[in-house]
Amino acid sequence: MIEESTEELTLGQKIVRLNRLAMEIDDAKSQRDKRIGERDSILMNLRTQHGIKDIAAARKKILALDQQINTRNRRIDQGFVELSKKYEL
């Protein structure tokens, strides 16, 4: 009788572990689905708003925009330096 109760505990523990694993698997699946949904949403926005068809094209577009912004910022900095020299700021 004592042996049966210890076996029942181990079976109970196994059931608890299996339930935990099942919950973890379900959580992982839902997180994966959420990431896929976010990615699909981003791709849809890129397609509709900017005419970009894939992630690689989006990266190229972002790099081009970054270069334009950096160039503009350098010009602004140069203009500020020239003005500060001219007006002794």
Foldseek 3Di string as FASTA:
>chain_A
DVVVVVVVVVVVVVVVVVVVVVVVVVVVVVVVVVVVVVLVVVQVCCCPPPVDRDDVSVVVVVVVVVVVVVVVVVVVVVVVVVVCVVVVD
